[in-house]
Amino acid sequence: MHLLLTLPNYDPDNCSAVMAHEIAKLLLEKADTFLSRQEAVKSAVELGMPLHEIEQYLDWLDLNRAPGALGSDSHCQRLRNEEDVSGRP
């Protein structure tokens, strides 16, 4: 007896596109120099990610990497320092 598992709204082509975009985002996120970012953008385009989405994602990354940005290392360190001074855990 075989168990057939069906997923609602499963579209293998769409899943492939979603996976390609996630891979493109990872490449863009790991690019930390101008040249590596250039290569990541080329790869993202080859994976089918539209340029406007690449630009939006890079802008989002830049905002989140900025010193003092919510979630950035400096922001988290500042919160840890405030906790140390106040004595709260």
C-alpha atoms as a PDB file:
ATOM      1  CA  MET A   1       0.000   0.000   0.000  1.00  0.00           C
ATOM      2  CA  HIS A   2       1.349   3.412  -0.974  1.00  0.00           C
ATOM      3  CA  LEU A   3       0.596   6.555   0.917  1.00  0.00           C
ATOM      4  CA  LEU A   4       0.009   9.483  -1.394  1.00  0.00           C
ATOM      5  CA  LEU A   5       0.712  12.793   0.234  1.00  0.00           C
ATOM      6  CA  THR A   6      -0.777  15.800  -1.489  1.00  0.00           C
ATOM      7  CA  LEU A   7      -0.064  19.319  -0.430  1.00  0.00           C
ATOM      8  CA  PRO A   8      -2.649  22.020  -1.071  1.00  0.00           C
ATOM      9  CA  ASN A   9      -1.557  24.581  -3.650  1.00  0.00           C
ATOM     10  CA  TYR A  10       1.696  22.705  -4.300  1.00  0.00           C
ATOM     11  CA  ASP A  11       3.350  23.994  -7.439  1.00  0.00           C
ATOM     12  CA  PRO A  12       6.829  22.572  -8.128  1.00  0.00           C
ATOM     13  CA  ASP A  13       7.694  25.450 -10.457  1.00  0.00           C
ATOM     14  CA  ASN A  14       6.818  28.018  -7.794  1.00  0.00           C
ATOM     15  CA  CYS A  15       8.786  26.086  -5.173  1.00  0.00           C
ATOM     16  CA  SER A  16      11.815  26.184  -7.451  1.00  0.00           C
ATOM     17  CA  ALA A  17      11.459  29.937  -7.887  1.00  0.00           C
ATOM     18  CA  VAL A  18      11.127  30.466  -4.145  1.00  0.00           C
ATOM     19  CA  MET A  19      14.213  28.331  -3.519  1.00  0.00           C
ATOM     20  CA  ALA A  20      16.166  30.244  -6.178  1.00  0.00           C
ATOM     21  CA  HIS A  21      15.235  33.567  -4.517  1.00  0.00           C
ATOM     22  CA  GLU A  22      16.302  32.275  -1.108  1.00  0.00           C
ATOM     23  CA  ILE A  23      19.656  31.156  -2.541  1.00  0.00           C
ATOM     24  CA  ALA A  24      20.042  34.563  -4.206  1.00  0.00           C
ATOM     25  CA  LYS A  25      19.320  36.299  -0.885  1.00  0.00           C
ATOM     26  CA  LEU A  26      21.949  34.180   0.856  1.00  0.00           C
ATOM     27  CA  LEU A  27      24.524  35.076  -1.800  1.00  0.00           C
ATOM     28  CA  LEU A  28      23.680  38.770  -1.462  1.00  0.00           C
ATOM     29  CA  GLU A  29      23.816  38.600   2.319  1.00  0.00           C
ATOM     30  CA  LYS A  30      27.252  36.951   2.368  1.00  0.00           C
ATOM     31  CA  ALA A  31      28.760  39.453  -0.083  1.00  0.00           C
ATOM     32  CA  ASP A  32      30.805  41.844   2.046  1.00  0.00           C
ATOM     33  CA  THR A  33      33.008  43.579  -0.528  1.00  0.00           C
ATOM     34  CA  PHE A  34      32.195  45.541  -3.655  1.00  0.00           C
ATOM     35  CA  LEU A  35      33.484  42.778  -5.946  1.00  0.00           C
ATOM     36  CA  SER A  36      31.732  39.982  -4.082  1.00  0.00           C
ATOM     37  CA  ARG A  37      28.509  42.010  -4.111  1.00  0.00           C
ATOM     38  CA  GLN A  38      28.869  42.482  -7.879  1.00  0.00           C
ATOM     39  CA  GLU A  39      29.198  38.723  -8.341  1.00  0.00           C
ATOM     40  CA  ALA A  40      26.273  38.087  -5.987  1.00  0.00           C
ATOM     41  CA  VAL A  41      24.065  40.466  -7.972  1.00  0.00           C
ATOM     42  CA  LYS A  42      25.007  38.714 -11.225  1.00  0.00           C
ATOM     43  CA  SER A  43      24.233  35.341  -9.666  1.00  0.00           C
ATOM     44  CA  ALA A  44      20.923  36.588  -8.270  1.00  0.00           C
ATOM     45  CA  VAL A  45      19.908  37.824 -11.731  1.00  0.00           C
ATOM     46  CA  GLU A  46      20.892  34.463 -13.231  1.00  0.00           C
ATOM     47  CA  LEU A  47      18.732  32.757 -10.584  1.00  0.00           C
ATOM     48  CA  GLY A  48      15.789  34.820 -11.814  1.00  0.00           C
ATOM     49  CA  MET A  49      15.539  37.449  -9.105  1.00  0.00           C
ATOM     50  CA  PRO A  50      14.316  40.761 -10.577  1.00  0.00           C
ATOM     51  CA  LEU A  51      16.664  43.740 -10.249  1.00  0.00           C
ATOM     52  CA  HIS A  52      14.167  45.782  -8.237  1.00  0.00           C
ATOM     53  CA  GLU A  53      13.929  42.973  -5.656  1.00  0.00           C
ATOM     54  CA  ILE A  54      17.726  42.723  -5.509  1.00  0.00           C
ATOM     55  CA  GLU A  55      17.951  46.481  -4.937  1.00  0.00           C
ATOM     56  CA  GLN A  56      15.286  46.381  -2.217  1.00  0.00           C
ATOM     57  CA  TYR A  57      16.992  43.477  -0.474  1.00  0.00           C
ATOM     58  CA  LEU A  58      20.420  45.149  -0.605  1.00  0.00           C
ATOM     59  CA  ASP A  59      18.921  48.366   0.791  1.00  0.00           C
ATOM     60  CA  TRP A  60      17.316  46.354   3.602  1.00  0.00           C
ATOM     61  CA  LEU A  61      20.633  44.622   4.331  1.00  0.00           C
ATOM     62  CA  ASP A  62      22.485  47.947   4.403  1.00  0.00           C
ATOM     63  CA  LEU A  63      19.958  49.442   6.821  1.00  0.00           C
ATOM     64  CA  ASN A  64      20.213  46.464   9.151  1.00  0.00           C
ATOM     65  CA  ARG A  65      24.014  46.417   9.029  1.00  0.00           C
ATOM     66  CA  ALA A  66      24.357  50.116   9.799  1.00  0.00           C
ATOM     67  CA  PRO A  67      25.964  50.873  13.182  1.00  0.00           C
ATOM     68  CA  GLY A  68      23.256  51.254  15.796  1.00  0.00           C
ATOM     69  CA  ALA A  69      20.566  49.688  13.616  1.00  0.00           C
ATOM     70  CA  LEU A  70      18.023  47.549  15.414  1.00  0.00           C
ATOM     71  CA  GLY A  71      19.435  44.039  15.414  1.00  0.00           C
ATOM     72  CA  SER A  72      22.961  45.084  14.460  1.00  0.00           C
ATOM     73  CA  ASP A  73      25.937  43.917  16.502  1.00  0.00           C
ATOM     74  CA  SER A  74      26.524  47.398  17.927  1.00  0.00           C
ATOM     75  CA  HIS A  75      22.859  47.699  18.920  1.00  0.00           C
ATOM     76  CA  CYS A  76      22.932  44.316  20.672  1.00  0.00           C
ATOM     77  CA  GLN A  77      26.219  45.177  22.395  1.00  0.00           C
ATOM     78  CA  ARG A  78      24.773  48.478  23.599  1.00  0.00           C
ATOM     79  CA  LEU A  79      21.788  46.612  25.082  1.00  0.00           C
ATOM     80  CA  ARG A  80      24.126  44.157  26.822  1.00  0.00           C
ATOM     81  CA  ASN A  81      26.153  47.039  28.276  1.00  0.00           C
ATOM     82  CA  GLU A  82      22.980  48.709  29.560  1.00  0.00           C
ATOM     83  CA  GLU A  83      21.980  45.437  31.253  1.00  0.00           C
ATOM     84  CA  ASP A  84      25.434  45.161  32.876  1.00  0.00           C
ATOM     85  CA  VAL A  85      25.232  48.714  34.245  1.00  0.00           C
ATOM     86  CA  SER A  86      21.678  48.344  35.539  1.00  0.00           C
ATOM     87  CA  GLY A  87      22.418  44.960  37.107  1.00  0.00           C
ATOM     88  CA  ARG A  88      19.366  43.401  35.477  1.00  0.00           C
ATOM     89  CA  PRO A  89      19.814  40.062  33.718  1.00  0.00           C
END
